[in-house]
PDB file of all heavy atoms in Angstrom:
ATOM      1  N   SER A   1       0.777  -1.202  -0.042  1.00  0.00           N
ATOM      2  CA  SER A   1      -0.011  -0.053   0.033  1.00  0.00           C
ATOM      3  C   SER A   1       0.875   1.241   0.004  1.00  0.00           C
ATOM      4  O   SER A   1       0.574   2.244  -0.669  1.00  0.00           O
ATOM      5  CB  SER A   1      -0.898   0.018   1.226  1.00  0.00           C
ATOM      6  OG  SER A   1      -1.981  -0.957   1.064  1.00  0.00           O
ATOM      7  N   LEU A   2       1.898   1.215   0.719  1.00  0.00           N
ATOM      8  CA  LEU A   2       2.853   2.361   0.810  1.00  0.00           C
ATOM      9  C   LEU A   2       3.539   2.591  -0.486  1.00  0.00           C
ATOM     10  O   LEU A   2       3.527   3.637  -1.031  1.00  0.00           O
ATOM     11  CB  LEU A   2       3.959   2.088   1.957  1.00  0.00           C
ATOM     12  CG  LEU A   2       4.976   3.178   2.075  1.00  0.00           C
ATOM     13  CD1 LEU A   2       4.458   4.574   2.564  1.00  0.00           C
ATOM     14  CD2 LEU A   2       6.149   2.771   3.063  1.00  0.00           C
ATOM     15  N   SER A   3       4.001   1.490  -1.171  1.00  0.00           N
ATOM     16  CA  SER A   3       4.502   1.553  -2.481  1.00  0.00           C
ATOM     17  C   SER A   3       3.561   2.036  -3.601  1.00  0.00           C
ATOM     18  O   SER A   3       3.990   2.980  -4.319  1.00  0.00           O
ATOM     19  CB  SER A   3       5.120   0.193  -2.931  1.00  0.00           C
ATOM     20  OG  SER A   3       5.688   0.169  -4.134  1.00  0.00           O
ATOM     21  N   PHE A   4       2.286   1.560  -3.546  1.00  0.00           N
ATOM     22  CA  PHE A   4       1.407   2.023  -4.496  1.00  0.00           C
ATOM     23  C   PHE A   4       1.105   3.564  -4.368  1.00  0.00           C
ATOM     24  O   PHE A   4       1.090   4.326  -5.333  1.00  0.00           O
ATOM     25  CB  PHE A   4       0.105   1.158  -4.392  1.00  0.00           C
ATOM     26  CG  PHE A   4       0.028  -0.076  -5.000  1.00  0.00           C
ATOM     27  CD1 PHE A   4      -0.460  -1.183  -4.290  1.00  0.00           C
ATOM     28  CD2 PHE A   4       0.717  -0.333  -6.150  1.00  0.00           C
ATOM     29  CE1 PHE A   4      -0.479  -2.459  -4.796  1.00  0.00           C
ATOM     30  CE2 PHE A   4       0.751  -1.632  -6.687  1.00  0.00           C
ATOM     31  CZ  PHE A   4       0.142  -2.742  -6.087  1.00  0.00           C
ATOM     32  N   ALA A   5       0.913   3.941  -3.060  1.00  0.00           N
ATOM     33  CA  ALA A   5       0.651   5.339  -2.776  1.00  0.00           C
ATOM     34  C   ALA A   5       1.745   6.248  -3.202  1.00  0.00           C
ATOM     35  O   ALA A   5       1.573   7.354  -3.712  1.00  0.00           O
ATOM     36  CB  ALA A   5       0.340   5.595  -1.290  1.00  0.00           C
ATOM     37  N   ARG A   6       3.047   5.873  -2.863  1.00  0.00           N
ATOM     38  CA  ARG A   6       4.169   6.614  -3.351  1.00  0.00           C
ATOM     39  C   ARG A   6       4.236   6.701  -4.932  1.00  0.00           C
ATOM     40  O   ARG A   6       4.590   7.828  -5.435  1.00  0.00           O
ATOM     41  CB  ARG A   6       5.410   6.013  -2.811  1.00  0.00           C
ATOM     42  CG  ARG A   6       6.786   6.523  -3.282  1.00  0.00           C
ATOM     43  CD  ARG A   6       6.913   7.990  -3.169  1.00  0.00           C
ATOM     44  NE  ARG A   6       8.246   8.350  -3.515  1.00  0.00           N
ATOM     45  CZ  ARG A   6       8.662   9.609  -3.555  1.00  0.00           C
ATOM     46  NH1 ARG A   6       7.844  10.535  -3.129  1.00  0.00           N
ATOM     47  NH2 ARG A   6       9.904   9.901  -3.930  1.00  0.00           N
ATOM     48  N   ASN A   7       3.821   5.655  -5.560  1.00  0.00           N
ATOM     49  CA  ASN A   7       3.847   5.668  -7.069  1.00  0.00           C
ATOM     50  C   ASN A   7       2.908   6.845  -7.639  1.00  0.00           C
ATOM     51  O   ASN A   7       3.228   7.540  -8.500  1.00  0.00           O
ATOM     52  CB  ASN A   7       3.463   4.365  -7.588  1.00  0.00           C
ATOM     53  CG  ASN A   7       4.578   3.445  -7.476  1.00  0.00           C
ATOM     54  OD1 ASN A   7       5.787   3.749  -7.158  1.00  0.00           O
ATOM     55  ND2 ASN A   7       4.302   2.078  -7.585  1.00  0.00           N
ATOM     56  N   PHE A   8       1.800   6.864  -6.902  1.00  0.00           N
ATOM     57  CA  PHE A   8       0.788   7.862  -7.375  1.00  0.00           C
ATOM     58  C   PHE A   8       1.420   9.297  -7.017  1.00  0.00           C
ATOM     59  O   PHE A   8       1.293  10.240  -7.750  1.00  0.00           O
ATOM     60  CB  PHE A   8      -0.612   7.783  -6.606  1.00  0.00           C
ATOM     61  CG  PHE A   8      -1.494   6.777  -7.223  1.00  0.00           C
ATOM     62  CD1 PHE A   8      -1.572   5.355  -6.916  1.00  0.00           C
ATOM     63  CD2 PHE A   8      -2.346   7.089  -8.282  1.00  0.00           C
ATOM     64  CE1 PHE A   8      -2.290   4.476  -7.567  1.00  0.00           C
ATOM     65  CE2 PHE A   8      -3.271   6.302  -8.911  1.00  0.00           C
ATOM     66  CZ  PHE A   8      -3.160   4.850  -8.511  1.00  0.00           C
ATOM     67  N   GLN A   9       1.819   9.486  -5.792  1.00  0.00           N
ATOM     68  CA  GLN A   9       2.327  10.846  -5.296  1.00  0.00           C
ATOM     69  C   GLN A   9       3.543  11.311  -6.246  1.00  0.00           C
ATOM     70  O   GLN A   9       3.652  12.352  -6.452  1.00  0.00           O
ATOM     71  CB  GLN A   9       2.726  10.668  -3.923  1.00  0.00           C
ATOM     72  CG  GLN A   9       3.298  11.986  -3.276  1.00  0.00           C
ATOM     73  CD  GLN A   9       4.862  12.085  -3.363  1.00  0.00           C
ATOM     74  OE1 GLN A   9       5.526  11.112  -3.840  1.00  0.00           O
ATOM     75  NE2 GLN A   9       5.393  13.115  -2.949  1.00  0.00           N
ATOM     76  N   SER A  10       4.267  10.309  -6.674  1.00  0.00           N
ATOM     77  CA  SER A  10       5.619  10.713  -7.425  1.00  0.00           C
ATOM     78  C   SER A  10       5.192  11.090  -8.793  1.00  0.00           C
ATOM     79  O   SER A  10       6.175  11.690  -9.602  1.00  0.00           O
ATOM     80  CB  SER A  10       6.484   9.564  -7.394  1.00  0.00           C
ATOM     81  OG  SER A  10       5.978   8.408  -8.074  1.00  0.00           O
ATOM     82  N   VAL A  11       3.945  10.849  -9.320  1.00  0.00           N
ATOM     83  CA  VAL A  11       3.723  11.285 -10.716  1.00  0.00           C
ATOM     84  C   VAL A  11       3.677  12.774 -10.895  1.00  0.00           C
ATOM     85  O   VAL A  11       4.433  13.222 -11.711  1.00  0.00           O
ATOM     86  CB  VAL A  11       2.246  10.792 -11.172  1.00  0.00           C
ATOM     87  CG1 VAL A  11       1.877  11.359 -12.445  1.00  0.00           C
ATOM     88  CG2 VAL A  11       2.157   9.338 -11.147  1.00  0.00           C
ATOM     89  N   PRO A  12       3.043  13.625 -10.205  1.00  0.00           N
ATOM     90  CA  PRO A  12       3.205  15.123 -10.357  1.00  0.00           C
ATOM     91  C   PRO A  12       4.672  15.595 -10.058  1.00  0.00           C
ATOM     92  O   PRO A  12       5.120  16.579 -10.637  1.00  0.00           O
ATOM     93  CB  PRO A  12       2.095  15.731  -9.458  1.00  0.00           C
ATOM     94  CG  PRO A  12       1.898  14.642  -8.506  1.00  0.00           C
ATOM     95  CD  PRO A  12       1.933  13.404  -9.141  1.00  0.00           C
ATOM     96  N   VAL A  13       5.211  14.936  -9.076  1.00  0.00           N
ATOM     97  CA  VAL A  13       6.608  15.308  -8.617  1.00  0.00           C
ATOM     98  C   VAL A  13       7.632  15.109  -9.851  1.00  0.00           C
ATOM     99  O   VAL A  13       8.404  15.970 -10.209  1.00  0.00           O
ATOM    100  CB  VAL A  13       7.137  14.552  -7.449  1.00  0.00           C
ATOM    101  CG1 VAL A  13       8.615  14.804  -7.167  1.00  0.00           C
ATOM    102  CG2 VAL A  13       6.359  14.889  -6.175  1.00  0.00           C
ATOM    103  N   SER A  14       7.453  13.965 -10.537  1.00  0.00           N
ATOM    104  CA  SER A  14       8.255  13.680 -11.677  1.00  0.00           C
ATOM    105  C   SER A  14       7.925  14.422 -12.893  1.00  0.00           C
ATOM    106  O   SER A  14       8.704  14.986 -13.777  1.00  0.00           O
ATOM    107  CB  SER A  14       8.275  12.109 -11.982  1.00  0.00           C
ATOM    108  OG  SER A  14       8.821  11.473 -10.912  1.00  0.00           O
ATOM    109  N   LEU A  15       6.526  14.564 -13.118  1.00  0.00           N
ATOM    110  CA  LEU A  15       6.042  15.317 -14.356  1.00  0.00           C
ATOM    111  C   LEU A  15       6.555  16.738 -14.321  1.00  0.00           C
ATOM    112  O   LEU A  15       6.859  17.381 -15.448  1.00  0.00           O
ATOM    113  CB  LEU A  15       4.601  15.163 -14.467  1.00  0.00           C
ATOM    114  CG  LEU A  15       3.941  13.864 -14.904  1.00  0.00           C
ATOM    115  CD1 LEU A  15       2.391  14.047 -14.900  1.00  0.00           C
ATOM    116  CD2 LEU A  15       4.413  13.510 -16.342  1.00  0.00           C
ATOM    117  N   ILE A  16       6.523  17.353 -13.216  1.00  0.00           N
ATOM    118  CA  ILE A  16       6.702  18.803 -13.031  1.00  0.00           C
ATOM    119  C   ILE A  16       8.062  19.040 -12.366  1.00  0.00           C
ATOM    120  O   ILE A  16       9.001  19.611 -13.112  1.00  0.00           O
ATOM    121  CB  ILE A  16       5.558  19.467 -12.336  1.00  0.00           C
ATOM    122  CG1 ILE A  16       4.230  19.140 -13.021  1.00  0.00           C
ATOM    123  CG2 ILE A  16       5.773  21.016 -12.165  1.00  0.00           C
ATOM    124  CD1 ILE A  16       3.071  19.507 -12.144  1.00  0.00           C
ATOM    125  N   GLY A  17       8.208  18.665 -11.187  1.00  0.00           N
ATOM    126  CA  GLY A  17       9.499  18.912 -10.507  1.00  0.00           C
ATOM    127  C   GLY A  17      10.721  18.446 -11.078  1.00  0.00           C
ATOM    128  O   GLY A  17      11.708  19.260 -11.389  1.00  0.00           O
ATOM    129  N   VAL A  18      10.743  17.215 -11.318  1.00  0.00           N
ATOM    130  CA  VAL A  18      12.005  16.526 -11.804  1.00  0.00           C
ATOM    131  C   VAL A  18      12.154  16.929 -13.356  1.00  0.00           C
ATOM    132  O   VAL A  18      13.300  17.238 -13.756  1.00  0.00           O
ATOM    133  CB  VAL A  18      11.874  15.035 -11.729  1.00  0.00           C
ATOM    134  CG1 VAL A  18      13.026  14.321 -12.358  1.00  0.00           C
ATOM    135  CG2 VAL A  18      11.759  14.625 -10.223  1.00  0.00           C
ATOM    136  N   SER A  19      11.079  16.875 -14.148  1.00  0.00           N
ATOM    137  CA  SER A  19      11.353  17.118 -15.615  1.00  0.00           C
ATOM    138  C   SER A  19      11.609  18.430 -15.870  1.00  0.00           C
ATOM    139  O   SER A  19      12.590  18.815 -16.662  1.00  0.00           O
ATOM    140  CB  SER A  19       9.958  16.819 -16.264  1.00  0.00           C
ATOM    141  OG  SER A  19       9.734  15.368 -16.229  1.00  0.00           O
ATOM    142  N   PHE A  20      10.942  19.460 -15.201  1.00  0.00           N
ATOM    143  CA  PHE A  20      11.256  20.893 -15.486  1.00  0.00           C
ATOM    144  C   PHE A  20      12.728  21.242 -15.006  1.00  0.00           C
ATOM    145  O   PHE A  20      13.376  22.095 -15.649  1.00  0.00           O
ATOM    146  CB  PHE A  20      10.263  21.805 -14.866  1.00  0.00           C
ATOM    147  CG  PHE A  20       8.860  21.752 -15.528  1.00  0.00           C
ATOM    148  CD1 PHE A  20       8.528  20.760 -16.406  1.00  0.00           C
ATOM    149  CD2 PHE A  20       7.934  22.789 -15.313  1.00  0.00           C
ATOM    150  CE1 PHE A  20       7.254  20.744 -16.967  1.00  0.00           C
ATOM    151  CE2 PHE A  20       6.664  22.820 -15.970  1.00  0.00           C
ATOM    152  CZ  PHE A  20       6.297  21.812 -16.750  1.00  0.00           C
ATOM    153  N   SER A  21      13.058  20.724 -13.845  1.00  0.00           N
ATOM    154  CA  SER A  21      14.411  20.951 -13.399  1.00  0.00           C
ATOM    155  C   SER A  21      15.520  20.445 -14.214  1.00  0.00           C
ATOM    156  O   SER A  21      16.473  21.114 -14.413  1.00  0.00           O
ATOM    157  CB  SER A  21      14.540  20.507 -11.884  1.00  0.00           C
ATOM    158  OG  SER A  21      13.560  21.032 -11.061  1.00  0.00           O
ATOM    159  N   LEU A  22      15.211  19.270 -14.650  1.00  0.00           N
ATOM    160  CA  LEU A  22      16.176  18.562 -15.591  1.00  0.00           C
ATOM    161  C   LEU A  22      16.387  19.480 -16.873  1.00  0.00           C
ATOM    162  O   LEU A  22      17.509  19.566 -17.319  1.00  0.00           O
ATOM    163  CB  LEU A  22      15.771  17.244 -15.899  1.00  0.00           C
ATOM    164  CG  LEU A  22      16.847  16.348 -16.784  1.00  0.00           C
ATOM    165  CD1 LEU A  22      18.114  16.251 -16.249  1.00  0.00           C
ATOM    166  CD2 LEU A  22      16.161  14.908 -17.098  1.00  0.00           C
ATOM    167  N   ALA A  23      15.243  19.741 -17.378  1.00  0.00           N
ATOM    168  CA  ALA A  23      15.350  20.600 -18.717  1.00  0.00           C
ATOM    169  C   ALA A  23      16.035  21.937 -18.475  1.00  0.00           C
ATOM    170  O   ALA A  23      16.783  22.421 -19.387  1.00  0.00           O
ATOM    171  CB  ALA A  23      13.845  20.728 -19.219  1.00  0.00           C
ATOM    172  N   ALA A  24      15.824  22.468 -17.359  1.00  0.00           N
ATOM    173  CA  ALA A  24      16.572  23.765 -17.005  1.00  0.00           C
ATOM    174  C   ALA A  24      18.090  23.617 -16.724  1.00  0.00           C
ATOM    175  O   ALA A  24      18.834  24.567 -16.758  1.00  0.00           O
ATOM    176  CB  ALA A  24      15.923  24.449 -15.908  1.00  0.00           C
ATOM    177  N   PHE A  25      18.488  22.408 -16.365  1.00  0.00           N
ATOM    178  CA  PHE A  25      19.866  22.128 -15.814  1.00  0.00           C
ATOM    179  C   PHE A  25      20.843  22.572 -16.843  1.00  0.00           C
ATOM    180  O   PHE A  25      21.902  23.230 -16.375  1.00  0.00           O
ATOM    181  CB  PHE A  25      20.061  20.621 -15.442  1.00  0.00           C
ATOM    182  CG  PHE A  25      21.270  20.366 -14.690  1.00  0.00           C
ATOM    183  CD1 PHE A  25      21.683  21.190 -13.852  1.00  0.00           C
ATOM    184  CD2 PHE A  25      21.788  19.073 -14.824  1.00  0.00           C
ATOM    185  CE1 PHE A  25      22.896  20.946 -13.021  1.00  0.00           C
ATOM    186  CE2 PHE A  25      22.878  18.659 -14.157  1.00  0.00           C
ATOM    187  CZ  PHE A  25      23.396  19.637 -13.293  1.00  0.00           C
ATOM    188  N   PRO A  26      20.844  22.232 -18.145  1.00  0.00           N
ATOM    189  CA  PRO A  26      21.979  22.647 -19.047  1.00  0.00           C
ATOM    190  C   PRO A  26      22.020  24.267 -19.130  1.00  0.00           C
ATOM    191  O   PRO A  26      23.089  24.662 -19.118  1.00  0.00           O
ATOM    192  CB  PRO A  26      21.484  22.046 -20.422  1.00  0.00           C
ATOM    193  CG  PRO A  26      20.606  20.812 -20.030  1.00  0.00           C
ATOM    194  CD  PRO A  26      19.836  21.310 -18.843  1.00  0.00           C
ATOM    195  N   GLY A  27      20.828  24.886 -19.033  1.00  0.00           N
ATOM    196  CA  GLY A  27      20.900  26.291 -19.158  1.00  0.00           C
ATOM    197  C   GLY A  27      21.500  27.008 -17.895  1.00  0.00           C
ATOM    198  O   GLY A  27      22.386  27.883 -17.969  1.00  0.00           O
ATOM    199  N   LEU A  28      21.148  26.296 -16.733  1.00  0.00           N
ATOM    200  CA  LEU A  28      21.838  26.771 -15.547  1.00  0.00           C
ATOM    201  C   LEU A  28      23.225  26.532 -15.450  1.00  0.00           C
ATOM    202  O   LEU A  28      24.095  27.308 -15.098  1.00  0.00           O
ATOM    203  CB  LEU A  28      21.096  26.127 -14.308  1.00  0.00           C
ATOM    204  CG  LEU A  28      19.718  26.567 -13.935  1.00  0.00           C
ATOM    205  CD1 LEU A  28      19.035  25.500 -12.912  1.00  0.00           C
ATOM    206  CD2 LEU A  28      19.652  27.971 -13.415  1.00  0.00           C
ATOM    207  N   SER A  29      23.720  25.394 -15.984  1.00  0.00           N
ATOM    208  CA  SER A  29      25.103  25.006 -15.984  1.00  0.00           C
ATOM    209  C   SER A  29      25.841  25.976 -16.927  1.00  0.00           C
ATOM    210  O   SER A  29      27.035  26.332 -16.601  1.00  0.00           O
ATOM    211  CB  SER A  29      25.202  23.481 -16.469  1.00  0.00           C
ATOM    212  OG  SER A  29      24.534  22.708 -15.535  1.00  0.00           O
ATOM    213  N   ARG A  30      25.347  26.257 -18.107  1.00  0.00           N
ATOM    214  CA  ARG A  30      26.033  27.102 -19.062  1.00  0.00           C
ATOM    215  C   ARG A  30      26.145  28.559 -18.411  1.00  0.00           C
ATOM    216  O   ARG A  30      27.187  29.270 -18.497  1.00  0.00           O
ATOM    217  CB  ARG A  30      25.332  27.171 -20.379  1.00  0.00           C
ATOM    218  CG  ARG A  30      25.497  25.996 -21.218  1.00  0.00           C
ATOM    219  CD  ARG A  30      25.003  26.201 -22.520  1.00  0.00           C
ATOM    220  NE  ARG A  30      24.949  24.932 -23.406  1.00  0.00           N
ATOM    221  CZ  ARG A  30      23.929  24.220 -23.570  1.00  0.00           C
ATOM    222  NH1 ARG A  30      22.786  24.468 -22.900  1.00  0.00           N
ATOM    223  NH2 ARG A  30      24.046  23.000 -24.284  1.00  0.00           N
ATOM    224  N   ALA A  31      25.119  29.092 -17.743  1.00  0.00           N
ATOM    225  CA  ALA A  31      25.186  30.437 -17.180  1.00  0.00           C
ATOM    226  C   ALA A  31      26.168  30.487 -16.033  1.00  0.00           C
ATOM    227  O   ALA A  31      26.921  31.396 -15.950  1.00  0.00           O
ATOM    228  CB  ALA A  31      23.689  30.857 -16.623  1.00  0.00           C
ATOM    229  N   ALA A  32      26.075  29.458 -15.250  1.00  0.00           N
ATOM    230  CA  ALA A  32      27.061  29.428 -14.174  1.00  0.00           C
ATOM    231  C   ALA A  32      28.540  29.277 -14.571  1.00  0.00           C
ATOM    232  O   ALA A  32      29.397  29.813 -14.123  1.00  0.00           O
ATOM    233  CB  ALA A  32      26.847  28.264 -13.234  1.00  0.00           C
ATOM    234  N   GLY A  33      28.823  28.446 -15.717  1.00  0.00           N
ATOM    235  CA  GLY A  33      30.111  28.303 -16.303  1.00  0.00           C
ATOM    236  C   GLY A  33      30.620  29.621 -16.919  1.00  0.00           C
ATOM    237  O   GLY A  33      31.759  29.879 -16.803  1.00  0.00           O
ATOM    238  N   ARG A  34      29.650  30.511 -17.440  1.00  0.00           N
ATOM    239  CA  ARG A  34      30.121  31.756 -18.018  1.00  0.00           C
ATOM    240  C   ARG A  34      30.162  32.848 -16.898  1.00  0.00           C
ATOM    241  O   ARG A  34      30.671  33.915 -17.173  1.00  0.00           O
ATOM    242  CB  ARG A  34      29.149  32.198 -18.989  1.00  0.00           C
ATOM    243  CG  ARG A  34      29.076  31.378 -20.284  1.00  0.00           C
ATOM    244  CD  ARG A  34      28.240  32.003 -21.428  1.00  0.00           C
ATOM    245  NE  ARG A  34      26.918  32.498 -20.866  1.00  0.00           N
ATOM    246  CZ  ARG A  34      25.864  31.739 -21.055  1.00  0.00           C
ATOM    247  NH1 ARG A  34      25.895  30.615 -21.741  1.00  0.00           N
ATOM    248  NH2 ARG A  34      24.630  32.222 -20.700  1.00  0.00           N
ATOM    249  N   GLY A  35      29.616  32.618 -15.710  1.00  0.00           N
ATOM    250  CA  GLY A  35      29.608  33.547 -14.638  1.00  0.00           C
ATOM    251  C   GLY A  35      28.424  34.593 -14.844  1.00  0.00           C
ATOM    252  O   GLY A  35      28.575  35.671 -14.270  1.00  0.00           O
ATOM    253  N   ASP A  36      27.489  34.210 -15.676  1.00  0.00           N
ATOM    254  CA  ASP A  36      26.285  35.030 -15.958  1.00  0.00           C
ATOM    255  C   ASP A  36      25.398  34.934 -14.810  1.00  0.00           C
ATOM    256  O   ASP A  36      24.406  34.201 -14.904  1.00  0.00           O
ATOM    257  CB  ASP A  36      25.802  34.725 -17.278  1.00  0.00           C
ATOM    258  CG  ASP A  36      24.783  35.807 -17.801  1.00  0.00           C
ATOM    259  OD1 ASP A  36      24.253  36.484 -16.959  1.00  0.00           O
ATOM    260  OD2 ASP A  36      24.504  35.757 -18.992  1.00  0.00           O
ATOM    261  N   ARG A  37      25.561  35.691 -13.673  1.00  0.00           N
ATOM    262  CA  ARG A  37      24.597  35.640 -12.639  1.00  0.00           C
ATOM    263  C   ARG A  37      23.224  36.013 -12.986  1.00  0.00           C
ATOM    264  O   ARG A  37      22.198  35.385 -12.476  1.00  0.00           O
ATOM    265  CB  ARG A  37      25.143  36.531 -11.516  1.00  0.00           C
ATOM    266  CG  ARG A  37      24.279  36.428 -10.184  1.00  0.00           C
ATOM    267  CD  ARG A  37      25.166  37.115  -9.122  1.00  0.00           C
ATOM    268  NE  ARG A  37      25.384  38.477  -9.393  1.00  0.00           N
ATOM    269  CZ  ARG A  37      26.386  39.159  -8.740  1.00  0.00           C
ATOM    270  NH1 ARG A  37      27.087  38.681  -7.889  1.00  0.00           N
ATOM    271  NH2 ARG A  37      26.588  40.417  -9.194  1.00  0.00           N
ATOM    272  N   ASP A  38      23.009  37.049 -13.792  1.00  0.00           N
ATOM    273  CA  ASP A  38      21.621  37.595 -14.182  1.00  0.00           C
ATOM    274  C   ASP A  38      20.925  36.493 -14.911  1.00  0.00           C
ATOM    275  O   ASP A  38      19.676  36.173 -14.543  1.00  0.00           O
ATOM    276  CB  ASP A  38      21.804  38.773 -14.958  1.00  0.00           C
ATOM    277  CG  ASP A  38      22.269  40.004 -14.107  1.00  0.00           C
ATOM    278  OD1 ASP A  38      22.197  39.925 -12.883  1.00  0.00           O
ATOM    279  OD2 ASP A  38      22.693  40.947 -14.701  1.00  0.00           O
ATOM    280  N   GLU A  39      21.556  35.796 -15.724  1.00  0.00           N
ATOM    281  CA  GLU A  39      20.901  34.762 -16.571  1.00  0.00           C
ATOM    282  C   GLU A  39      20.522  33.608 -15.646  1.00  0.00           C
ATOM    283  O   GLU A  39      19.465  32.899 -15.793  1.00  0.00           O
ATOM    284  CB  GLU A  39      21.733  34.261 -17.737  1.00  0.00           C
ATOM    285  CG  GLU A  39      21.228  33.177 -18.568  1.00  0.00           C
ATOM    286  CD  GLU A  39      19.940  33.521 -19.352  1.00  0.00           C
ATOM    287  OE1 GLU A  39      19.514  34.798 -19.263  1.00  0.00           O
ATOM    288  OE2 GLU A  39      19.395  32.700 -20.010  1.00  0.00           O
ATOM    289  N   PHE A  40      21.418  33.211 -14.781  1.00  0.00           N
ATOM    290  CA  PHE A  40      21.177  32.179 -13.850  1.00  0.00           C
ATOM    291  C   PHE A  40      19.965  32.423 -13.029  1.00  0.00           C
ATOM    292  O   PHE A  40      19.151  31.477 -12.826  1.00  0.00           O
ATOM    293  CB  PHE A  40      22.621  32.003 -13.037  1.00  0.00           C
ATOM    294  CG  PHE A  40      22.556  30.868 -12.015  1.00  0.00           C
ATOM    295  CD1 PHE A  40      22.958  29.639 -12.404  1.00  0.00           C
ATOM    296  CD2 PHE A  40      21.871  31.045 -10.773  1.00  0.00           C
ATOM    297  CE1 PHE A  40      22.933  28.447 -11.462  1.00  0.00           C
ATOM    298  CE2 PHE A  40      21.922  29.970  -9.842  1.00  0.00           C
ATOM    299  CZ  PHE A  40      22.382  28.716 -10.216  1.00  0.00           C
ATOM    300  N   VAL A  41      19.963  33.560 -12.456  1.00  0.00           N
ATOM    301  CA  VAL A  41      18.759  33.922 -11.584  1.00  0.00           C
ATOM    302  C   VAL A  41      17.563  33.839 -12.331  1.00  0.00           C
ATOM    303  O   VAL A  41      16.469  33.545 -11.831  1.00  0.00           O
ATOM    304  CB  VAL A  41      19.081  35.235 -10.995  1.00  0.00           C
ATOM    305  CG1 VAL A  41      17.822  35.779 -10.199  1.00  0.00           C
ATOM    306  CG2 VAL A  41      20.280  35.231  -9.953  1.00  0.00           C
ATOM    307  N   ARG A  42      17.489  34.372 -13.589  1.00  0.00           N
ATOM    308  CA  ARG A  42      16.309  34.483 -14.372  1.00  0.00           C
ATOM    309  C   ARG A  42      15.821  32.988 -14.671  1.00  0.00           C
ATOM    310  O   ARG A  42      14.574  32.848 -14.566  1.00  0.00           O
ATOM    311  CB  ARG A  42      16.608  35.171 -15.713  1.00  0.00           C
ATOM    312  CG  ARG A  42      15.378  35.383 -16.607  1.00  0.00           C
ATOM    313  CD  ARG A  42      15.724  35.741 -18.022  1.00  0.00           C
ATOM    314  NE  ARG A  42      16.478  34.621 -18.711  1.00  0.00           N
ATOM    315  CZ  ARG A  42      15.742  33.484 -19.298  1.00  0.00           C
ATOM    316  NH1 ARG A  42      14.516  33.507 -19.166  1.00  0.00           N
ATOM    317  NH2 ARG A  42      16.421  32.663 -19.866  1.00  0.00           N
ATOM    318  N   ILE A  43      16.621  32.138 -15.001  1.00  0.00           N
ATOM    319  CA  ILE A  43      16.262  30.752 -15.365  1.00  0.00           C
ATOM    320  C   ILE A  43      15.632  30.115 -14.034  1.00  0.00           C
ATOM    321  O   ILE A  43      14.685  29.506 -14.153  1.00  0.00           O
ATOM    322  CB  ILE A  43      17.511  29.975 -15.850  1.00  0.00           C
ATOM    323  CG1 ILE A  43      17.765  30.418 -17.241  1.00  0.00           C
ATOM    324  CG2 ILE A  43      17.058  28.419 -16.063  1.00  0.00           C
ATOM    325  CD1 ILE A  43      19.148  29.881 -17.837  1.00  0.00           C
TER     326      ILE A  43
END
């Protein structure tokens, strides 16, 4: 029951939290690598 409930709960977490963060990760990494603080904060 705990496993099934966690599977349901993790759907919106993965769809939104994990996916959107992962998609933003290359942009954040490039901005940080260039030292572009304003772009980093915007993203």
